[in-house]
């Protein structure tokens, strides 16, 4: 009887050790997988940098601001100082991420295309129609919308946007160069009495998976002379480090 009890205790101790070992191995595998993912992201950005004719600067995503619905609403990168300036476009291998919003010391915050304060001129690749894309700030999904996208008054010209149409930067306005993928049309609501189409766009970029980006070192838009000077000594929002 006692021998059986001792054997059971030994088995329990062994199982405990095995569980601890399994937990340690799972943690190591998770770390290795994350490192592999980071390396892959850096390689993608390096390839994009070689393929991009514009002057660019690579950057790592080091933190994110997360909404109560667990959506990424802003990002922080490890570039700042005199390297980048507010207004500079930020891209990934998937497409347009957003633009530099603020610079704090050696870091910078990125305003995403899904933010309601983000506005840029875009073009529908298939139809050539142009409009203004802005973020919706939706809590349940990453989404943008296109405003002022005209319906055609010419019956021989089909300007109707369809689900799946690809959206790119138009290059108009000077803030963003033309030809950067912004997203894909998710839904269209075209009213017969309106000159404009209501279009929802799913962004091209998976914001929650971003680990590396490129900053396009293009001239930022002219500053607003009426804007108040910001205190750049500390961030404007709480971030969660990666």
C-alpha atoms as a PDB file:
ATOM      1  CA  UNK A   1       0.000   0.000   0.000  1.00  0.00           C
ATOM      2  CA  UNK A   2       2.741   2.440   0.988  1.00  0.00           C
ATOM      3  CA  UNK A   3       4.729   1.529  -2.089  1.00  0.00           C
ATOM      4  CA  UNK A   4       1.706   2.382  -4.231  1.00  0.00           C
ATOM      5  CA  UNK A   5       1.285   5.722  -2.439  1.00  0.00           C
ATOM      6  CA  UNK A   6       4.942   6.613  -2.980  1.00  0.00           C
ATOM      7  CA  UNK A   7       4.618   5.663  -6.637  1.00  0.00           C
ATOM      8  CA  UNK A   8       1.591   7.960  -7.035  1.00  0.00           C
ATOM      9  CA  UNK A   9       3.474  10.832  -5.396  1.00  0.00           C
ATOM     10  CA  UNK A  10       6.395  10.268  -7.743  1.00  0.00           C
ATOM     11  CA  UNK A  11       4.050  10.269 -10.749  1.00  0.00           C
ATOM     12  CA  UNK A  12       2.414  13.497  -9.580  1.00  0.00           C
ATOM     13  CA  UNK A  13       5.832  15.136  -9.123  1.00  0.00           C
ATOM     14  CA  UNK A  14       6.872  13.961 -12.566  1.00  0.00           C
ATOM     15  CA  UNK A  15       3.652  15.288 -14.120  1.00  0.00           C
ATOM     16  CA  UNK A  16       4.200  18.633 -12.409  1.00  0.00           C
ATOM     17  CA  UNK A  17       7.711  18.826 -13.804  1.00  0.00           C
ATOM     18  CA  UNK A  18       6.465  17.880 -17.266  1.00  0.00           C
ATOM     19  CA  UNK A  19       3.778  20.567 -17.143  1.00  0.00           C
ATOM     20  CA  UNK A  20       6.351  23.153 -16.110  1.00  0.00           C
ATOM     21  CA  UNK A  21       8.658  22.011 -18.900  1.00  0.00           C
ATOM     22  CA  UNK A  22       5.825  22.178 -21.442  1.00  0.00           C
ATOM     23  CA  UNK A  23       4.946  25.705 -20.306  1.00  0.00           C
ATOM     24  CA  UNK A  24       8.575  26.769 -20.655  1.00  0.00           C
ATOM     25  CA  UNK A  25       8.811  25.249 -24.142  1.00  0.00           C
ATOM     26  CA  UNK A  26       5.568  26.906 -25.247  1.00  0.00           C
ATOM     27  CA  UNK A  27       6.908  30.251 -24.041  1.00  0.00           C
ATOM     28  CA  UNK A  28      10.164  29.727 -25.929  1.00  0.00           C
ATOM     29  CA  UNK A  29       8.257  28.752 -29.083  1.00  0.00           C
ATOM     30  CA  UNK A  30       6.092  31.873 -28.785  1.00  0.00           C
ATOM     31  CA  UNK A  31       9.203  34.058 -28.469  1.00  0.00           C
ATOM     32  CA  UNK A  32      10.819  32.328 -31.455  1.00  0.00           C
ATOM     33  CA  UNK A  33       7.645  32.721 -33.527  1.00  0.00           C
ATOM     34  CA  UNK A  34       7.481  36.416 -32.680  1.00  0.00           C
ATOM     35  CA  UNK A  35      11.123  36.931 -33.596  1.00  0.00           C
ATOM     36  CA  UNK A  36      10.543  35.107 -36.888  1.00  0.00           C
ATOM     37  CA  UNK A  37       7.512  37.324 -37.549  1.00  0.00           C
ATOM     38  CA  UNK A  38       9.539  40.466 -36.784  1.00  0.00           C
ATOM     39  CA  UNK A  39      12.348  39.312 -39.090  1.00  0.00           C
ATOM     40  CA  UNK A  40       9.851  38.607 -41.877  1.00  0.00           C
ATOM     41  CA  UNK A  41       8.308  42.070 -41.415  1.00  0.00           C
ATOM     42  CA  UNK A  42      11.722  43.736 -41.576  1.00  0.00           C
ATOM     43  CA  UNK A  43      12.581  41.763 -44.712  1.00  0.00           C
ATOM     44  CA  UNK A  44       9.300  42.852 -46.329  1.00  0.00           C
ATOM     45  CA  UNK A  45      10.056  46.493 -45.555  1.00  0.00           C
ATOM     46  CA  UNK A  46      13.623  46.123 -46.855  1.00  0.00           C
ATOM     47  CA  UNK A  47      12.252  44.765 -50.144  1.00  0.00           C
ATOM     48  CA  UNK A  48       9.723  47.599 -50.278  1.00  0.00           C
ATOM     49  CA  UNK A  49      12.485  50.154 -49.653  1.00  0.00           C
ATOM     50  CA  UNK A  50      14.485  48.779 -52.586  1.00  0.00           C
ATOM     51  CA  UNK A  51      11.402  48.912 -54.808  1.00  0.00           C
ATOM     52  CA  UNK A  52      10.400  52.446 -53.788  1.00  0.00           C
ATOM     53  CA  UNK A  53      12.008  55.226 -55.860  1.00  0.00           C
ATOM     54  CA  UNK A  54      11.293  57.874 -53.241  1.00  0.00           C
ATOM     55  CA  UNK A  55      13.647  58.683 -50.385  1.00  0.00           C
ATOM     56  CA  UNK A  56      12.483  56.583 -47.437  1.00  0.00           C
ATOM     57  CA  UNK A  57      13.352  55.761 -43.854  1.00  0.00           C
ATOM     58  CA  UNK A  58      12.719  52.368 -42.257  1.00  0.00           C
ATOM     59  CA  UNK A  59      11.180  52.254 -38.784  1.00  0.00           C
ATOM     60  CA  UNK A  60      10.071  49.680 -36.232  1.00  0.00           C
ATOM     61  CA  UNK A  61       6.627  49.810 -34.632  1.00  0.00           C
ATOM     62  CA  UNK A  62       7.346  49.889 -30.908  1.00  0.00           C
ATOM     63  CA  UNK A  63       3.936  50.579 -29.348  1.00  0.00           C
ATOM     64  CA  UNK A  64       0.250  50.965 -30.082  1.00  0.00           C
ATOM     65  CA  UNK A  65      -2.781  52.714 -28.658  1.00  0.00           C
ATOM     66  CA  UNK A  66      -5.616  50.191 -28.313  1.00  0.00           C
ATOM     67  CA  UNK A  67      -9.339  50.994 -28.214  1.00  0.00           C
ATOM     68  CA  UNK A  68     -11.761  49.371 -25.727  1.00  0.00           C
ATOM     69  CA  UNK A  69     -12.811  47.115 -28.633  1.00  0.00           C
ATOM     70  CA  UNK A  70      -9.179  45.960 -29.005  1.00  0.00           C
ATOM     71  CA  UNK A  71      -8.625  47.859 -32.241  1.00  0.00           C
ATOM     72  CA  UNK A  72      -5.329  49.631 -32.948  1.00  0.00           C
ATOM     73  CA  UNK A  73      -6.095  53.348 -33.169  1.00  0.00           C
ATOM     74  CA  UNK A  74      -2.556  54.775 -33.293  1.00  0.00           C
ATOM     75  CA  UNK A  75       1.000  53.539 -33.600  1.00  0.00           C
ATOM     76  CA  UNK A  76       4.382  54.673 -32.356  1.00  0.00           C
ATOM     77  CA  UNK A  77       7.606  54.164 -34.305  1.00  0.00           C
ATOM     78  CA  UNK A  78      11.256  54.348 -33.289  1.00  0.00           C
ATOM     79  CA  UNK A  79      12.081  57.311 -35.513  1.00  0.00           C
ATOM     80  CA  UNK A  80      11.932  60.934 -34.478  1.00  0.00           C
ATOM     81  CA  UNK A  81      14.200  63.874 -33.863  1.00  0.00           C
ATOM     82  CA  UNK A  82      15.206  65.511 -37.115  1.00  0.00           C
ATOM     83  CA  UNK A  83      14.567  62.339 -39.157  1.00  0.00           C
ATOM     84  CA  UNK A  84      10.821  62.745 -39.593  1.00  0.00           C
ATOM     85  CA  UNK A  85       8.256  65.529 -39.541  1.00  0.00           C
ATOM     86  CA  UNK A  86       4.477  65.673 -39.062  1.00  0.00           C
ATOM     87  CA  UNK A  87       2.616  65.008 -42.301  1.00  0.00           C
ATOM     88  CA  UNK A  88       5.084  62.530 -43.796  1.00  0.00           C
ATOM     89  CA  UNK A  89       3.363  59.433 -45.276  1.00  0.00           C
ATOM     90  CA  UNK A  90       3.909  56.051 -43.629  1.00  0.00           C
ATOM     91  CA  UNK A  91       3.589  52.850 -45.671  1.00  0.00           C
ATOM     92  CA  UNK A  92       4.064  49.099 -45.304  1.00  0.00           C
ATOM     93  CA  UNK A  93       4.392  46.276 -47.798  1.00  0.00           C
ATOM     94  CA  UNK A  94       0.568  46.069 -47.761  1.00  0.00           C
ATOM     95  CA  UNK A  95      -0.132  49.718 -48.492  1.00  0.00           C
ATOM     96  CA  UNK A  96      -0.734  53.079 -46.830  1.00  0.00           C
ATOM     97  CA  UNK A  97      -0.585  53.061 -43.033  1.00  0.00           C
ATOM     98  CA  UNK A  98      -1.169  56.766 -42.444  1.00  0.00           C
ATOM     99  CA  UNK A  99       0.985  59.793 -41.751  1.00  0.00           C
ATOM    100  CA  UNK A 100       3.275  61.107 -39.042  1.00  0.00           C
ATOM    101  CA  UNK A 101       1.146  62.989 -36.540  1.00  0.00           C
ATOM    102  CA  UNK A 102       3.545  64.085 -33.813  1.00  0.00           C
ATOM    103  CA  UNK A 103       7.239  63.704 -33.028  1.00  0.00           C
ATOM    104  CA  UNK A 104       8.444  63.221 -29.446  1.00  0.00           C
ATOM    105  CA  UNK A 105      12.195  63.009 -29.034  1.00  0.00           C
ATOM    106  CA  UNK A 106      13.398  59.824 -30.711  1.00  0.00           C
ATOM    107  CA  UNK A 107       9.867  58.557 -31.388  1.00  0.00           C
ATOM    108  CA  UNK A 108       6.920  59.543 -33.578  1.00  0.00           C
ATOM    109  CA  UNK A 109       3.192  58.826 -33.509  1.00  0.00           C
ATOM    110  CA  UNK A 110       1.362  57.700 -36.646  1.00  0.00           C
ATOM    111  CA  UNK A 111      -2.188  58.802 -37.468  1.00  0.00           C
ATOM    112  CA  UNK A 112      -3.844  55.841 -39.221  1.00  0.00           C
ATOM    113  CA  UNK A 113      -6.025  56.064 -42.324  1.00  0.00           C
ATOM    114  CA  UNK A 114      -8.928  54.781 -40.202  1.00  0.00           C
ATOM    115  CA  UNK A 115      -8.794  57.814 -37.899  1.00  0.00           C
ATOM    116  CA  UNK A 116     -11.646  60.319 -38.508  1.00  0.00           C
ATOM    117  CA  UNK A 117      -9.047  63.126 -38.615  1.00  0.00           C
ATOM    118  CA  UNK A 118      -7.269  61.500 -41.551  1.00  0.00           C
ATOM    119  CA  UNK A 119      -8.191  62.864 -44.976  1.00  0.00           C
ATOM    120  CA  UNK A 120      -6.550  62.214 -48.337  1.00  0.00           C
ATOM    121  CA  UNK A 121      -7.400  62.253 -52.009  1.00  0.00           C
ATOM    122  CA  UNK A 122      -7.907  58.792 -53.522  1.00  0.00           C
ATOM    123  CA  UNK A 123      -8.811  57.232 -56.853  1.00  0.00           C
ATOM    124  CA  UNK A 124     -10.816  54.133 -57.734  1.00  0.00           C
ATOM    125  CA  UNK A 125      -8.464  52.096 -59.912  1.00  0.00           C
ATOM    126  CA  UNK A 126     -11.152  50.564 -62.143  1.00  0.00           C
ATOM    127  CA  UNK A 127     -13.242  53.671 -62.842  1.00  0.00           C
ATOM    128  CA  UNK A 128     -10.804  56.529 -62.330  1.00  0.00           C
ATOM    129  CA  UNK A 129     -13.258  58.243 -60.003  1.00  0.00           C
ATOM    130  CA  UNK A 130     -11.676  60.446 -57.344  1.00  0.00           C
ATOM    131  CA  UNK A 131     -12.836  61.374 -53.869  1.00  0.00           C
ATOM    132  CA  UNK A 132     -11.762  62.174 -50.325  1.00  0.00           C
ATOM    133  CA  UNK A 133     -11.030  59.216 -48.059  1.00  0.00           C
ATOM    134  CA  UNK A 134     -11.430  59.643 -44.326  1.00  0.00           C
ATOM    135  CA  UNK A 135     -11.449  57.239 -41.407  1.00  0.00           C
ATOM    136  CA  UNK A 136     -14.759  56.285 -39.823  1.00  0.00           C
ATOM    137  CA  UNK A 137     -13.404  55.556 -36.357  1.00  0.00           C
ATOM    138  CA  UNK A 138     -15.778  52.563 -36.205  1.00  0.00           C
ATOM    139  CA  UNK A 139     -15.463  50.629 -32.956  1.00  0.00           C
ATOM    140  CA  UNK A 140     -16.242  47.194 -34.381  1.00  0.00           C
ATOM    141  CA  UNK A 141     -14.025  47.156 -37.485  1.00  0.00           C
ATOM    142  CA  UNK A 142     -11.228  48.930 -39.321  1.00  0.00           C
ATOM    143  CA  UNK A 143     -12.966  51.126 -41.886  1.00  0.00           C
ATOM    144  CA  UNK A 144     -12.675  54.236 -44.040  1.00  0.00           C
ATOM    145  CA  UNK A 145     -15.203  56.006 -46.226  1.00  0.00           C
ATOM    146  CA  UNK A 146     -14.929  57.932 -49.462  1.00  0.00           C
ATOM    147  CA  UNK A 147     -16.698  61.269 -49.608  1.00  0.00           C
ATOM    148  CA  UNK A 148     -17.548  63.329 -52.681  1.00  0.00           C
ATOM    149  CA  UNK A 149     -17.183  60.393 -55.077  1.00  0.00           C
ATOM    150  CA  UNK A 150     -19.309  61.456 -58.023  1.00  0.00           C
ATOM    151  CA  UNK A 151     -21.871  59.400 -59.905  1.00  0.00           C
ATOM    152  CA  UNK A 152     -21.567  59.813 -63.664  1.00  0.00           C
ATOM    153  CA  UNK A 153     -24.208  61.928 -65.401  1.00  0.00           C
ATOM    154  CA  UNK A 154     -23.152  60.439 -68.737  1.00  0.00           C
ATOM    155  CA  UNK A 155     -25.082  57.178 -69.395  1.00  0.00           C
ATOM    156  CA  UNK A 156     -22.241  55.928 -71.592  1.00  0.00           C
ATOM    157  CA  UNK A 157     -19.714  56.201 -68.760  1.00  0.00           C
ATOM    158  CA  UNK A 158     -19.964  53.747 -65.867  1.00  0.00           C
ATOM    159  CA  UNK A 159     -18.489  55.353 -62.750  1.00  0.00           C
ATOM    160  CA  UNK A 160     -20.366  53.078 -60.372  1.00  0.00           C
ATOM    161  CA  UNK A 161     -18.109  51.694 -57.673  1.00  0.00           C
ATOM    162  CA  UNK A 162     -18.420  47.995 -56.865  1.00  0.00           C
ATOM    163  CA  UNK A 163     -17.455  45.849 -53.911  1.00  0.00           C
ATOM    164  CA  UNK A 164     -13.876  44.675 -54.334  1.00  0.00           C
ATOM    165  CA  UNK A 165     -12.712  47.754 -56.269  1.00  0.00           C
ATOM    166  CA  UNK A 166      -9.180  48.762 -55.298  1.00  0.00           C
ATOM    167  CA  UNK A 167      -8.509  52.234 -53.916  1.00  0.00           C
ATOM    168  CA  UNK A 168      -5.178  54.046 -54.350  1.00  0.00           C
ATOM    169  CA  UNK A 169      -3.755  57.448 -53.474  1.00  0.00           C
ATOM    170  CA  UNK A 170      -4.401  59.879 -56.330  1.00  0.00           C
ATOM    171  CA  UNK A 171      -1.380  62.124 -55.813  1.00  0.00           C
ATOM    172  CA  UNK A 172      -3.643  65.181 -55.767  1.00  0.00           C
ATOM    173  CA  UNK A 173      -3.065  67.633 -52.971  1.00  0.00           C
ATOM    174  CA  UNK A 174       0.654  66.908 -52.719  1.00  0.00           C
ATOM    175  CA  UNK A 175       0.639  65.218 -49.300  1.00  0.00           C
ATOM    176  CA  UNK A 176       0.760  61.642 -50.604  1.00  0.00           C
ATOM    177  CA  UNK A 177       2.380  60.386 -53.816  1.00  0.00           C
ATOM    178  CA  UNK A 178       0.134  58.616 -56.317  1.00  0.00           C
ATOM    179  CA  UNK A 179      -0.188  54.859 -56.587  1.00  0.00           C
ATOM    180  CA  UNK A 180      -0.090  53.694 -52.958  1.00  0.00           C
ATOM    181  CA  UNK A 181      -2.772  51.121 -52.211  1.00  0.00           C
ATOM    182  CA  UNK A 182      -5.179  52.336 -49.549  1.00  0.00           C
ATOM    183  CA  UNK A 183      -7.766  49.581 -49.428  1.00  0.00           C
ATOM    184  CA  UNK A 184     -10.626  47.713 -51.063  1.00  0.00           C
ATOM    185  CA  UNK A 185     -14.284  48.702 -51.345  1.00  0.00           C
ATOM    186  CA  UNK A 186     -16.289  46.830 -48.724  1.00  0.00           C
ATOM    187  CA  UNK A 187     -19.747  48.286 -49.349  1.00  0.00           C
ATOM    188  CA  UNK A 188     -21.469  50.786 -51.654  1.00  0.00           C
ATOM    189  CA  UNK A 189     -24.675  52.742 -51.117  1.00  0.00           C
ATOM    190  CA  UNK A 190     -25.532  54.752 -54.215  1.00  0.00           C
ATOM    191  CA  UNK A 191     -28.715  56.800 -53.979  1.00  0.00           C
ATOM    192  CA  UNK A 192     -30.515  57.683 -57.199  1.00  0.00           C
ATOM    193  CA  UNK A 193     -31.256  61.213 -55.989  1.00  0.00           C
ATOM    194  CA  UNK A 194     -27.658  61.957 -55.005  1.00  0.00           C
ATOM    195  CA  UNK A 195     -24.760  63.047 -57.198  1.00  0.00           C
ATOM    196  CA  UNK A 196     -22.375  61.153 -54.937  1.00  0.00           C
ATOM    197  CA  UNK A 197     -21.804  57.538 -53.950  1.00  0.00           C
ATOM    198  CA  UNK A 198     -21.403  56.403 -50.352  1.00  0.00           C
ATOM    199  CA  UNK A 199     -18.471  53.994 -50.205  1.00  0.00           C
ATOM    200  CA  UNK A 200     -16.965  52.081 -47.285  1.00  0.00           C
ATOM    201  CA  UNK A 201     -13.369  50.927 -47.672  1.00  0.00           C
ATOM    202  CA  UNK A 202     -11.543  48.155 -45.831  1.00  0.00           C
ATOM    203  CA  UNK A 203      -7.941  49.317 -45.300  1.00  0.00           C
ATOM    204  CA  UNK A 204      -5.190  47.393 -47.077  1.00  0.00           C
ATOM    205  CA  UNK A 205      -3.022  47.267 -43.966  1.00  0.00           C
ATOM    206  CA  UNK A 206      -3.418  44.839 -41.056  1.00  0.00           C
ATOM    207  CA  UNK A 207      -2.696  47.373 -38.318  1.00  0.00           C
ATOM    208  CA  UNK A 208      -2.589  44.852 -35.481  1.00  0.00           C
ATOM    209  CA  UNK A 209       0.166  42.886 -37.228  1.00  0.00           C
ATOM    210  CA  UNK A 210       2.425  45.787 -38.182  1.00  0.00           C
ATOM    211  CA  UNK A 211       5.977  45.528 -36.899  1.00  0.00           C
ATOM    212  CA  UNK A 212       7.934  47.580 -39.452  1.00  0.00           C
ATOM    213  CA  UNK A 213       7.087  50.484 -41.780  1.00  0.00           C
ATOM    214  CA  UNK A 214       8.622  52.978 -44.179  1.00  0.00           C
ATOM    215  CA  UNK A 215       8.390  56.735 -43.781  1.00  0.00           C
ATOM    216  CA  UNK A 216       8.343  58.605 -47.089  1.00  0.00           C
ATOM    217  CA  UNK A 217      10.612  61.586 -46.664  1.00  0.00           C
ATOM    218  CA  UNK A 218       8.441  63.869 -48.762  1.00  0.00           C
ATOM    219  CA  UNK A 219       7.758  67.506 -47.912  1.00  0.00           C
ATOM    220  CA  UNK A 220       4.889  67.639 -45.399  1.00  0.00           C
ATOM    221  CA  UNK A 221       1.893  69.881 -46.064  1.00  0.00           C
ATOM    222  CA  UNK A 222       2.372  73.519 -45.018  1.00  0.00           C
ATOM    223  CA  UNK A 223       1.655  74.132 -41.324  1.00  0.00           C
ATOM    224  CA  UNK A 224      -1.567  75.756 -40.229  1.00  0.00           C
ATOM    225  CA  UNK A 225      -0.591  79.286 -39.134  1.00  0.00           C
ATOM    226  CA  UNK A 226      -3.560  79.380 -36.776  1.00  0.00           C
ATOM    227  CA  UNK A 227      -2.741  76.104 -35.037  1.00  0.00           C
ATOM    228  CA  UNK A 228      -1.506  76.199 -31.457  1.00  0.00           C
ATOM    229  CA  UNK A 229       2.012  74.973 -30.798  1.00  0.00           C
ATOM    230  CA  UNK A 230       1.971  71.548 -29.122  1.00  0.00           C
ATOM    231  CA  UNK A 231       4.032  70.411 -26.178  1.00  0.00           C
ATOM    232  CA  UNK A 232       6.260  67.759 -27.751  1.00  0.00           C
ATOM    233  CA  UNK A 233       7.931  66.767 -24.498  1.00  0.00           C
ATOM    234  CA  UNK A 234       5.470  63.935 -23.840  1.00  0.00           C
ATOM    235  CA  UNK A 235       3.072  61.741 -25.843  1.00  0.00           C
ATOM    236  CA  UNK A 236      -0.510  62.757 -26.435  1.00  0.00           C
ATOM    237  CA  UNK A 237      -1.934  59.301 -25.683  1.00  0.00           C
ATOM    238  CA  UNK A 238      -1.253  56.143 -23.731  1.00  0.00           C
ATOM    239  CA  UNK A 239       0.482  53.372 -25.631  1.00  0.00           C
ATOM    240  CA  UNK A 240       0.957  49.672 -25.182  1.00  0.00           C
ATOM    241  CA  UNK A 241       4.498  48.465 -25.972  1.00  0.00           C
ATOM    242  CA  UNK A 242       5.025  45.487 -28.247  1.00  0.00           C
END
